[in-house]
């Protein structure tokens, strides 16, 4: 299966609730590569590299997030490769 890159932007109460840590753990379980990073506007940005079904699983998880999160929106955009990743990290 072809590897794709997706940029996912999550808004709501997603900082200070361990969103990045849980995202990293779930992404690694799915075998995805990339990173998760807080943004200055309070959102969380995820760059994910992997197969479309695995990225879709991550997108669906993002709508719920960890227990303390309150997700407002999840936007996904498939992009061209930005860099090569060897693992999934929290930035």
PDB file of N, CA and C in Angstrom:
ATOM      1  N   UNK A   1       0.824  -1.192   0.000  1.00  0.00           N
ATOM      2  CA  UNK A   1       0.000   0.000   0.000  1.00  0.00           C
ATOM      3  C   UNK A   1       0.865   1.251   0.000  1.00  0.00           C
ATOM      4  N   UNK A   2       0.383   2.254  -0.689  1.00  0.00           N
ATOM      5  CA  UNK A   2       1.116   3.509  -0.807  1.00  0.00           C
ATOM      6  C   UNK A   2       1.099   4.286   0.510  1.00  0.00           C
ATOM      7  N   UNK A   3       2.241   4.859   0.846  1.00  0.00           N
ATOM      8  CA  UNK A   3       2.333   5.700   2.035  1.00  0.00           C
ATOM      9  C   UNK A   3       1.901   7.110   1.674  1.00  0.00           C
ATOM     10  N   UNK A   4       1.091   7.685   2.542  1.00  0.00           N
ATOM     11  CA  UNK A   4       0.594   9.039   2.358  1.00  0.00           C
ATOM     12  C   UNK A   4       1.045   9.909   3.524  1.00  0.00           C
ATOM     13  N   UNK A   5       0.970  11.203   3.322  1.00  0.00           N
ATOM     14  CA  UNK A   5       1.232  12.171   4.376  1.00  0.00           C
ATOM     15  C   UNK A   5      -0.056  12.941   4.621  1.00  0.00           C
ATOM     16  N   UNK A   6      -0.388  13.140   5.873  1.00  0.00           N
ATOM     17  CA  UNK A   6      -1.573  13.914   6.216  1.00  0.00           C
ATOM     18  C   UNK A   6      -1.210  14.933   7.283  1.00  0.00           C
ATOM     19  N   UNK A   7      -1.821  16.096   7.155  1.00  0.00           N
ATOM     20  CA  UNK A   7      -1.712  17.114   8.194  1.00  0.00           C
ATOM     21  C   UNK A   7      -3.077  17.205   8.853  1.00  0.00           C
ATOM     22  N   UNK A   8      -3.099  16.989  10.163  1.00  0.00           N
ATOM     23  CA  UNK A   8      -4.343  17.021  10.926  1.00  0.00           C
ATOM     24  C   UNK A   8      -4.251  18.171  11.916  1.00  0.00           C
ATOM     25  N   UNK A   9      -5.280  19.006  11.952  1.00  0.00           N
ATOM     26  CA  UNK A   9      -5.328  20.126  12.874  1.00  0.00           C
ATOM     27  C   UNK A   9      -6.526  19.919  13.800  1.00  0.00           C
ATOM     28  N   UNK A  10      -6.254  19.903  15.100  1.00  0.00           N
ATOM     29  CA  UNK A  10      -7.284  19.634  16.104  1.00  0.00           C
ATOM     30  C   UNK A  10      -7.451  20.878  16.965  1.00  0.00           C
ATOM     31  N   UNK A  11      -8.705  21.341  17.102  1.00  0.00           N
ATOM     32  CA  UNK A  11      -8.984  22.504  17.942  1.00  0.00           C
ATOM     33  C   UNK A  11      -9.896  22.100  19.091  1.00  0.00           C
ATOM     34  N   UNK A  12      -9.953  22.970  20.082  1.00  0.00           N
ATOM     35  CA  UNK A  12     -10.749  22.734  21.278  1.00  0.00           C
ATOM     36  C   UNK A  12      -9.839  22.775  22.490  1.00  0.00           C
ATOM     37  N   UNK A  13     -10.254  22.102  23.545  1.00  0.00           N
ATOM     38  CA  UNK A  13      -9.405  22.006  24.737  1.00  0.00           C
ATOM     39  C   UNK A  13      -8.475  20.811  24.521  1.00  0.00           C
ATOM     40  N   UNK A  14      -7.357  21.073  23.837  1.00  0.00           N
ATOM     41  CA  UNK A  14      -6.454  19.993  23.435  1.00  0.00           C
ATOM     42  C   UNK A  14      -5.007  20.230  23.890  1.00  0.00           C
ATOM     43  N   UNK A  15      -4.780  21.317  24.604  1.00  0.00           N
ATOM     44  CA  UNK A  15      -3.460  21.544  25.194  1.00  0.00           C
ATOM     45  C   UNK A  15      -3.609  21.472  26.706  1.00  0.00           C
ATOM     46  N   UNK A  16      -2.613  20.889  27.359  1.00  0.00           N
ATOM     47  CA  UNK A  16      -2.648  20.763  28.805  1.00  0.00           C
ATOM     48  C   UNK A  16      -3.487  19.591  29.289  1.00  0.00           C
ATOM     49  N   UNK A  17      -3.851  18.696  28.367  1.00  0.00           N
ATOM     50  CA  UNK A  17      -4.692  17.532  28.713  1.00  0.00           C
ATOM     51  C   UNK A  17      -4.047  16.222  28.233  1.00  0.00           C
ATOM     52  N   UNK A  18      -2.738  16.258  27.986  1.00  0.00           N
ATOM     53  CA  UNK A  18      -1.962  15.094  27.538  1.00  0.00           C
ATOM     54  C   UNK A  18      -2.359  14.609  26.145  1.00  0.00           C
ATOM     55  N   UNK A  19      -2.885  15.520  25.339  1.00  0.00           N
ATOM     56  CA  UNK A  19      -3.304  15.159  23.979  1.00  0.00           C
ATOM     57  C   UNK A  19      -2.118  14.662  23.156  1.00  0.00           C
ATOM     58  N   UNK A  20      -0.997  15.363  23.241  1.00  0.00           N
ATOM     59  CA  UNK A  20       0.176  14.954  22.451  1.00  0.00           C
ATOM     60  C   UNK A  20       0.704  13.598  22.881  1.00  0.00           C
ATOM     61  N   UNK A  21       0.780  13.366  24.169  1.00  0.00           N
ATOM     62  CA  UNK A  21       1.304  12.083  24.669  1.00  0.00           C
ATOM     63  C   UNK A  21       0.418  10.917  24.215  1.00  0.00           C
ATOM     64  N   UNK A  22      -0.892  11.088  24.317  1.00  0.00           N
ATOM     65  CA  UNK A  22      -1.812  10.025  23.899  1.00  0.00           C
ATOM     66  C   UNK A  22      -1.793   9.828  22.381  1.00  0.00           C
ATOM     67  N   UNK A  23      -1.675  10.946  21.650  1.00  0.00           N
ATOM     68  CA  UNK A  23      -1.599  10.848  20.190  1.00  0.00           C
ATOM     69  C   UNK A  23      -0.357  10.074  19.773  1.00  0.00           C
ATOM     70  N   UNK A  24       0.766  10.385  20.407  1.00  0.00           N
ATOM     71  CA  UNK A  24       2.012   9.688  20.085  1.00  0.00           C
ATOM     72  C   UNK A  24       1.867   8.190  20.331  1.00  0.00           C
ATOM     73  N   UNK A  25       1.332   7.827  21.474  1.00  0.00           N
ATOM     74  CA  UNK A  25       1.180   6.412  21.805  1.00  0.00           C
ATOM     75  C   UNK A  25       0.281   5.700  20.788  1.00  0.00           C
ATOM     76  N   UNK A  26      -0.855   6.308  20.443  1.00  0.00           N
ATOM     77  CA  UNK A  26      -1.780   5.680  19.499  1.00  0.00           C
ATOM     78  C   UNK A  26      -1.165   5.596  18.105  1.00  0.00           C
ATOM     79  N   UNK A  27      -0.492   6.657  17.675  1.00  0.00           N
ATOM     80  CA  UNK A  27       0.143   6.664  16.346  1.00  0.00           C
ATOM     81  C   UNK A  27       1.205   5.570  16.249  1.00  0.00           C
ATOM     82  N   UNK A  28       1.983   5.390  17.315  1.00  0.00           N
ATOM     83  CA  UNK A  28       2.996   4.327  17.313  1.00  0.00           C
ATOM     84  C   UNK A  28       2.339   2.946  17.258  1.00  0.00           C
ATOM     85  N   UNK A  29       1.222   2.776  17.971  1.00  0.00           N
ATOM     86  CA  UNK A  29       0.487   1.509  17.910  1.00  0.00           C
ATOM     87  C   UNK A  29       0.009   1.221  16.489  1.00  0.00           C
ATOM     88  N   UNK A  30      -0.348   2.266  15.758  1.00  0.00           N
ATOM     89  CA  UNK A  30      -0.818   2.117  14.378  1.00  0.00           C
ATOM     90  C   UNK A  30       0.336   1.948  13.385  1.00  0.00           C
ATOM     91  N   UNK A  31       1.561   2.168  13.847  1.00  0.00           N
ATOM     92  CA  UNK A  31       2.714   2.063  12.958  1.00  0.00           C
ATOM     93  C   UNK A  31       2.929   3.301  12.103  1.00  0.00           C
ATOM     94  N   UNK A  32       2.385   4.429  12.530  1.00  0.00           N
ATOM     95  CA  UNK A  32       2.548   5.670  11.789  1.00  0.00           C
ATOM     96  C   UNK A  32       3.853   6.353  12.162  1.00  0.00           C
ATOM     97  N   UNK A  33       4.314   7.213  11.275  1.00  0.00           N
ATOM     98  CA  UNK A  33       5.496   8.036  11.508  1.00  0.00           C
ATOM     99  C   UNK A  33       5.070   9.493  11.404  1.00  0.00           C
ATOM    100  N   UNK A  34       5.855  10.380  12.020  1.00  0.00           N
ATOM    101  CA  UNK A  34       5.551  11.803  11.943  1.00  0.00           C
ATOM    102  C   UNK A  34       5.722  12.459  13.282  1.00  0.00           C
ATOM    103  N   UNK A  35       4.852  13.436  13.570  1.00  0.00           N
ATOM    104  CA  UNK A  35       4.950  14.131  14.846  1.00  0.00           C
ATOM    105  C   UNK A  35       3.628  14.783  15.231  1.00  0.00           C
ATOM    106  N   UNK A  36       3.534  15.151  16.492  1.00  0.00           N
ATOM    107  CA  UNK A  36       2.412  15.920  17.030  1.00  0.00           C
ATOM    108  C   UNK A  36       3.013  17.118  17.751  1.00  0.00           C
ATOM    109  N   UNK A  37       2.389  18.298  17.579  1.00  0.00           N
ATOM    110  CA  UNK A  37       2.985  19.527  18.095  1.00  0.00           C
ATOM    111  C   UNK A  37       1.895  20.524  18.482  1.00  0.00           C
ATOM    112  N   UNK A  38       2.063  21.161  19.649  1.00  0.00           N
ATOM    113  CA  UNK A  38       1.174  22.255  20.040  1.00  0.00           C
ATOM    114  C   UNK A  38       1.410  23.447  19.121  1.00  0.00           C
ATOM    115  N   UNK A  39       0.348  24.190  18.853  1.00  0.00           N
ATOM    116  CA  UNK A  39       0.437  25.402  18.061  1.00  0.00           C
ATOM    117  C   UNK A  39       0.174  26.610  18.969  1.00  0.00           C
ATOM    118  N   UNK A  40       0.659  27.760  18.563  1.00  0.00           N
ATOM    119  CA  UNK A  40       0.529  28.976  19.371  1.00  0.00           C
ATOM    120  C   UNK A  40      -0.932  29.378  19.604  1.00  0.00           C
ATOM    121  N   UNK A  41      -1.827  28.992  18.694  1.00  0.00           N
ATOM    122  CA  UNK A  41      -3.237  29.379  18.823  1.00  0.00           C
ATOM    123  C   UNK A  41      -4.043  28.430  19.711  1.00  0.00           C
ATOM    124  N   UNK A  42      -3.376  27.454  20.356  1.00  0.00           N
ATOM    125  CA  UNK A  42      -4.061  26.526  21.250  1.00  0.00           C
ATOM    126  C   UNK A  42      -4.479  25.222  20.591  1.00  0.00           C
ATOM    127  N   UNK A  43      -4.262  25.095  19.299  1.00  0.00           N
ATOM    128  CA  UNK A  43      -4.596  23.864  18.590  1.00  0.00           C
ATOM    129  C   UNK A  43      -3.415  22.892  18.643  1.00  0.00           C
ATOM    130  N   UNK A  44      -3.646  21.703  18.117  1.00  0.00           N
ATOM    131  CA  UNK A  44      -2.600  20.690  18.007  1.00  0.00           C
ATOM    132  C   UNK A  44      -2.496  20.286  16.540  1.00  0.00           C
ATOM    133  N   UNK A  45      -1.270  20.254  16.043  1.00  0.00           N
ATOM    134  CA  UNK A  45      -0.996  19.864  14.654  1.00  0.00           C
ATOM    135  C   UNK A  45      -0.343  18.493  14.656  1.00  0.00           C
ATOM    136  N   UNK A  46      -0.822  17.648  13.758  1.00  0.00           N
ATOM    137  CA  UNK A  46      -0.266  16.303  13.612  1.00  0.00           C
ATOM    138  C   UNK A  46       0.143  16.120  12.163  1.00  0.00           C
ATOM    139  N   UNK A  47       1.361  15.671  11.956  1.00  0.00           N
ATOM    140  CA  UNK A  47       1.810  15.242  10.638  1.00  0.00           C
ATOM    141  C   UNK A  47       1.969  13.727  10.733  1.00  0.00           C
ATOM    142  N   UNK A  48       1.224  13.020   9.894  1.00  0.00           N
ATOM    143  CA  UNK A  48       1.243  11.558   9.945  1.00  0.00           C
ATOM    144  C   UNK A  48       1.616  10.983   8.589  1.00  0.00           C
ATOM    145  N   UNK A  49       2.489  10.001   8.609  1.00  0.00           N
ATOM    146  CA  UNK A  49       2.928   9.297   7.409  1.00  0.00           C
ATOM    147  C   UNK A  49       2.563   7.829   7.594  1.00  0.00           C
ATOM    148  N   UNK A  50       1.832   7.288   6.626  1.00  0.00           N
ATOM    149  CA  UNK A  50       1.444   5.885   6.686  1.00  0.00           C
ATOM    150  C   UNK A  50       0.381   5.580   5.647  1.00  0.00           C
ATOM    151  N   UNK A  51      -0.234   4.420   5.774  1.00  0.00           N
ATOM    152  CA  UNK A  51      -1.271   4.042   4.815  1.00  0.00           C
ATOM    153  C   UNK A  51      -2.562   4.794   5.136  1.00  0.00           C
ATOM    154  N   UNK A  52      -3.406   4.954   4.131  1.00  0.00           N
ATOM    155  CA  UNK A  52      -4.634   5.705   4.329  1.00  0.00           C
ATOM    156  C   UNK A  52      -5.539   5.100   5.405  1.00  0.00           C
ATOM    157  N   UNK A  53      -5.709   3.770   5.468  1.00  0.00           N
ATOM    158  CA  UNK A  53      -6.554   3.234   6.545  1.00  0.00           C
ATOM    159  C   UNK A  53      -6.029   3.555   7.942  1.00  0.00           C
ATOM    160  N   UNK A  54      -4.711   3.529   8.132  1.00  0.00           N
ATOM    161  CA  UNK A  54      -4.129   3.836   9.446  1.00  0.00           C
ATOM    162  C   UNK A  54      -4.268   5.321   9.772  1.00  0.00           C
ATOM    163  N   UNK A  55      -4.067   6.173   8.774  1.00  0.00           N
ATOM    164  CA  UNK A  55      -4.241   7.607   8.997  1.00  0.00           C
ATOM    165  C   UNK A  55      -5.699   7.904   9.332  1.00  0.00           C
ATOM    166  N   UNK A  56      -6.625   7.229   8.664  1.00  0.00           N
ATOM    167  CA  UNK A  56      -8.048   7.409   8.945  1.00  0.00           C
ATOM    168  C   UNK A  56      -8.376   6.993  10.384  1.00  0.00           C
ATOM    169  N   UNK A  57      -7.770   5.902  10.861  1.00  0.00           N
ATOM    170  CA  UNK A  57      -7.964   5.486  12.258  1.00  0.00           C
ATOM    171  C   UNK A  57      -7.495   6.575  13.218  1.00  0.00           C
ATOM    172  N   UNK A  58      -6.352   7.180  12.912  1.00  0.00           N
ATOM    173  CA  UNK A  58      -5.840   8.262  13.751  1.00  0.00           C
ATOM    174  C   UNK A  58      -6.794   9.448  13.716  1.00  0.00           C
ATOM    175  N   UNK A  59      -7.282   9.792  12.539  1.00  0.00           N
ATOM    176  CA  UNK A  59      -8.225  10.912  12.409  1.00  0.00           C
ATOM    177  C   UNK A  59      -9.476  10.661  13.262  1.00  0.00           C
ATOM    178  N   UNK A  60     -10.006   9.464  13.205  1.00  0.00           N
ATOM    179  CA  UNK A  60     -11.195   9.136  13.997  1.00  0.00           C
ATOM    180  C   UNK A  60     -10.898   9.240  15.491  1.00  0.00           C
ATOM    181  N   UNK A  61      -9.720   8.759  15.906  1.00  0.00           N
ATOM    182  CA  UNK A  61      -9.324   8.864  17.313  1.00  0.00           C
ATOM    183  C   UNK A  61      -9.211  10.324  17.733  1.00  0.00           C
ATOM    184  N   UNK A  62      -8.693  11.168  16.838  1.00  0.00           N
ATOM    185  CA  UNK A  62      -8.502  12.584  17.151  1.00  0.00           C
ATOM    186  C   UNK A  62      -9.812  13.274  17.506  1.00  0.00           C
ATOM    187  N   UNK A  63     -10.924  12.804  16.949  1.00  0.00           N
ATOM    188  CA  UNK A  63     -12.219  13.399  17.260  1.00  0.00           C
ATOM    189  C   UNK A  63     -12.606  13.210  18.717  1.00  0.00           C
ATOM    190  N   UNK A  64     -12.086  12.179  19.347  1.00  0.00           N
ATOM    191  CA  UNK A  64     -12.357  11.909  20.754  1.00  0.00           C
ATOM    192  C   UNK A  64     -11.205  12.404  21.628  1.00  0.00           C
ATOM    193  N   UNK A  65      -9.999  11.960  21.298  1.00  0.00           N
ATOM    194  CA  UNK A  65      -8.826  12.332  22.067  1.00  0.00           C
ATOM    195  C   UNK A  65      -8.829  11.687  23.440  1.00  0.00           C
ATOM    196  N   UNK A  66      -7.900  12.098  24.306  1.00  0.00           N
ATOM    197  CA  UNK A  66      -7.856  11.551  25.664  1.00  0.00           C
ATOM    198  C   UNK A  66      -9.041  12.042  26.499  1.00  0.00           C
ATOM    199  N   UNK A  67      -9.218  11.430  27.638  1.00  0.00           N
ATOM    200  CA  UNK A  67     -10.385  11.677  28.493  1.00  0.00           C
ATOM    201  C   UNK A  67     -10.566  13.153  28.862  1.00  0.00           C
ATOM    202  N   UNK A  68      -9.490  13.866  29.142  1.00  0.00           N
ATOM    203  CA  UNK A  68      -9.589  15.253  29.591  1.00  0.00           C
ATOM    204  C   UNK A  68      -9.791  16.254  28.448  1.00  0.00           C
ATOM    205  N   UNK A  69      -9.646  15.816  27.216  1.00  0.00           N
ATOM    206  CA  UNK A  69      -9.765  16.711  26.062  1.00  0.00           C
ATOM    207  C   UNK A  69     -11.230  16.992  25.737  1.00  0.00           C
ATOM    208  N   UNK A  70     -11.440  18.126  25.098  1.00  0.00           N
ATOM    209  CA  UNK A  70     -12.751  18.483  24.566  1.00  0.00           C
ATOM    210  C   UNK A  70     -12.520  18.978  23.138  1.00  0.00           C
ATOM    211  N   UNK A  71     -12.637  18.076  22.184  1.00  0.00           N
ATOM    212  CA  UNK A  71     -12.304  18.382  20.791  1.00  0.00           C
ATOM    213  C   UNK A  71     -13.453  19.144  20.137  1.00  0.00           C
ATOM    214  N   UNK A  72     -13.109  20.245  19.481  1.00  0.00           N
ATOM    215  CA  UNK A  72     -14.100  21.047  18.763  1.00  0.00           C
ATOM    216  C   UNK A  72     -14.122  20.669  17.281  1.00  0.00           C
ATOM    217  N   UNK A  73     -12.954  20.710  16.628  1.00  0.00           N
ATOM    218  CA  UNK A  73     -12.891  20.356  15.206  1.00  0.00           C
ATOM    219  C   UNK A  73     -11.637  19.538  14.919  1.00  0.00           C
ATOM    220  N   UNK A  74     -11.734  18.730  13.882  1.00  0.00           N
ATOM    221  CA  UNK A  74     -10.592  17.981  13.351  1.00  0.00           C
ATOM    222  C   UNK A  74     -10.601  18.176  11.843  1.00  0.00           C
ATOM    223  N   UNK A  75      -9.548  18.776  11.338  1.00  0.00           N
ATOM    224  CA  UNK A  75      -9.410  18.987   9.899  1.00  0.00           C
ATOM    225  C   UNK A  75      -8.244  18.158   9.407  1.00  0.00           C
ATOM    226  N   UNK A  76      -8.438  17.473   8.288  1.00  0.00           N
ATOM    227  CA  UNK A  76      -7.352  16.676   7.726  1.00  0.00           C
ATOM    228  C   UNK A  76      -7.131  17.093   6.285  1.00  0.00           C
ATOM    229  N   UNK A  77      -5.872  17.156   5.929  1.00  0.00           N
ATOM    230  CA  UNK A  77      -5.492  17.500   4.565  1.00  0.00           C
ATOM    231  C   UNK A  77      -4.328  16.608   4.171  1.00  0.00           C
ATOM    232  N   UNK A  78      -4.486  15.903   3.074  1.00  0.00           N
ATOM    233  CA  UNK A  78      -3.384  15.075   2.587  1.00  0.00           C
ATOM    234  C   UNK A  78      -2.421  15.964   1.833  1.00  0.00           C
ATOM    235  N   UNK A  79      -1.130  15.787   2.125  1.00  0.00           N
ATOM    236  CA  UNK A  79      -0.106  16.667   1.574  1.00  0.00           C
ATOM    237  C   UNK A  79       0.999  15.843   0.922  1.00  0.00           C
ATOM    238  N   UNK A  80       1.874  16.549   0.271  1.00  0.00           N
ATOM    239  CA  UNK A  80       3.074  15.911  -0.271  1.00  0.00           C
ATOM    240  C   UNK A  80       4.062  15.713   0.875  1.00  0.00           C
ATOM    241  N   UNK A  81       4.944  14.735   0.762  1.00  0.00           N
ATOM    242  CA  UNK A  81       5.928  14.505   1.823  1.00  0.00           C
ATOM    243  C   UNK A  81       6.714  15.775   2.137  1.00  0.00           C
ATOM    244  N   UNK A  82       6.814  16.071   3.428  1.00  0.00           N
ATOM    245  CA  UNK A  82       7.556  17.247   3.855  1.00  0.00           C
ATOM    246  C   UNK A  82       8.960  16.875   4.296  1.00  0.00           C
ATOM    247  N   UNK A  83       9.094  15.716   4.896  1.00  0.00           N
ATOM    248  CA  UNK A  83      10.385  15.210   5.339  1.00  0.00           C
ATOM    249  C   UNK A  83      10.235  13.725   5.585  1.00  0.00           C
ATOM    250  N   UNK A  84      11.336  13.041   5.716  1.00  0.00           N
ATOM    251  CA  UNK A  84      11.297  11.610   6.013  1.00  0.00           C
ATOM    252  C   UNK A  84      11.306  11.405   7.515  1.00  0.00           C
ATOM    253  N   UNK A  85      10.432  10.576   7.981  1.00  0.00           N
ATOM    254  CA  UNK A  85      10.338  10.284   9.408  1.00  0.00           C
ATOM    255  C   UNK A  85      10.744   8.838   9.649  1.00  0.00           C
ATOM    256  N   UNK A  86      11.341   8.584  10.788  1.00  0.00           N
ATOM    257  CA  UNK A  86      11.706   7.214  11.165  1.00  0.00           C
ATOM    258  C   UNK A  86      10.847   6.686  12.297  1.00  0.00           C
ATOM    259  N   UNK A  87      10.157   7.602  12.990  1.00  0.00           N
ATOM    260  CA  UNK A  87       9.284   7.225  14.102  1.00  0.00           C
ATOM    261  C   UNK A  87       8.223   8.290  14.247  1.00  0.00           C
ATOM    262  N   UNK A  88       7.425   8.205  15.290  1.00  0.00           N
ATOM    263  CA  UNK A  88       6.435   9.242  15.586  1.00  0.00           C
ATOM    264  C   UNK A  88       6.870   9.909  16.868  1.00  0.00           C
ATOM    265  N   UNK A  89       6.992  11.229  16.848  1.00  0.00           N
ATOM    266  CA  UNK A  89       7.499  11.932  18.024  1.00  0.00           C
ATOM    267  C   UNK A  89       6.581  13.063  18.468  1.00  0.00           C
ATOM    268  N   UNK A  90       6.770  13.451  19.693  1.00  0.00           N
ATOM    269  CA  UNK A  90       6.067  14.608  20.253  1.00  0.00           C
ATOM    270  C   UNK A  90       7.048  15.763  20.237  1.00  0.00           C
ATOM    271  N   UNK A  91       6.626  16.849  19.663  1.00  0.00           N
ATOM    272  CA  UNK A  91       7.492  18.044  19.584  1.00  0.00           C
ATOM    273  C   UNK A  91       6.965  19.147  20.471  1.00  0.00           C
TER     274      UNK A  91
END
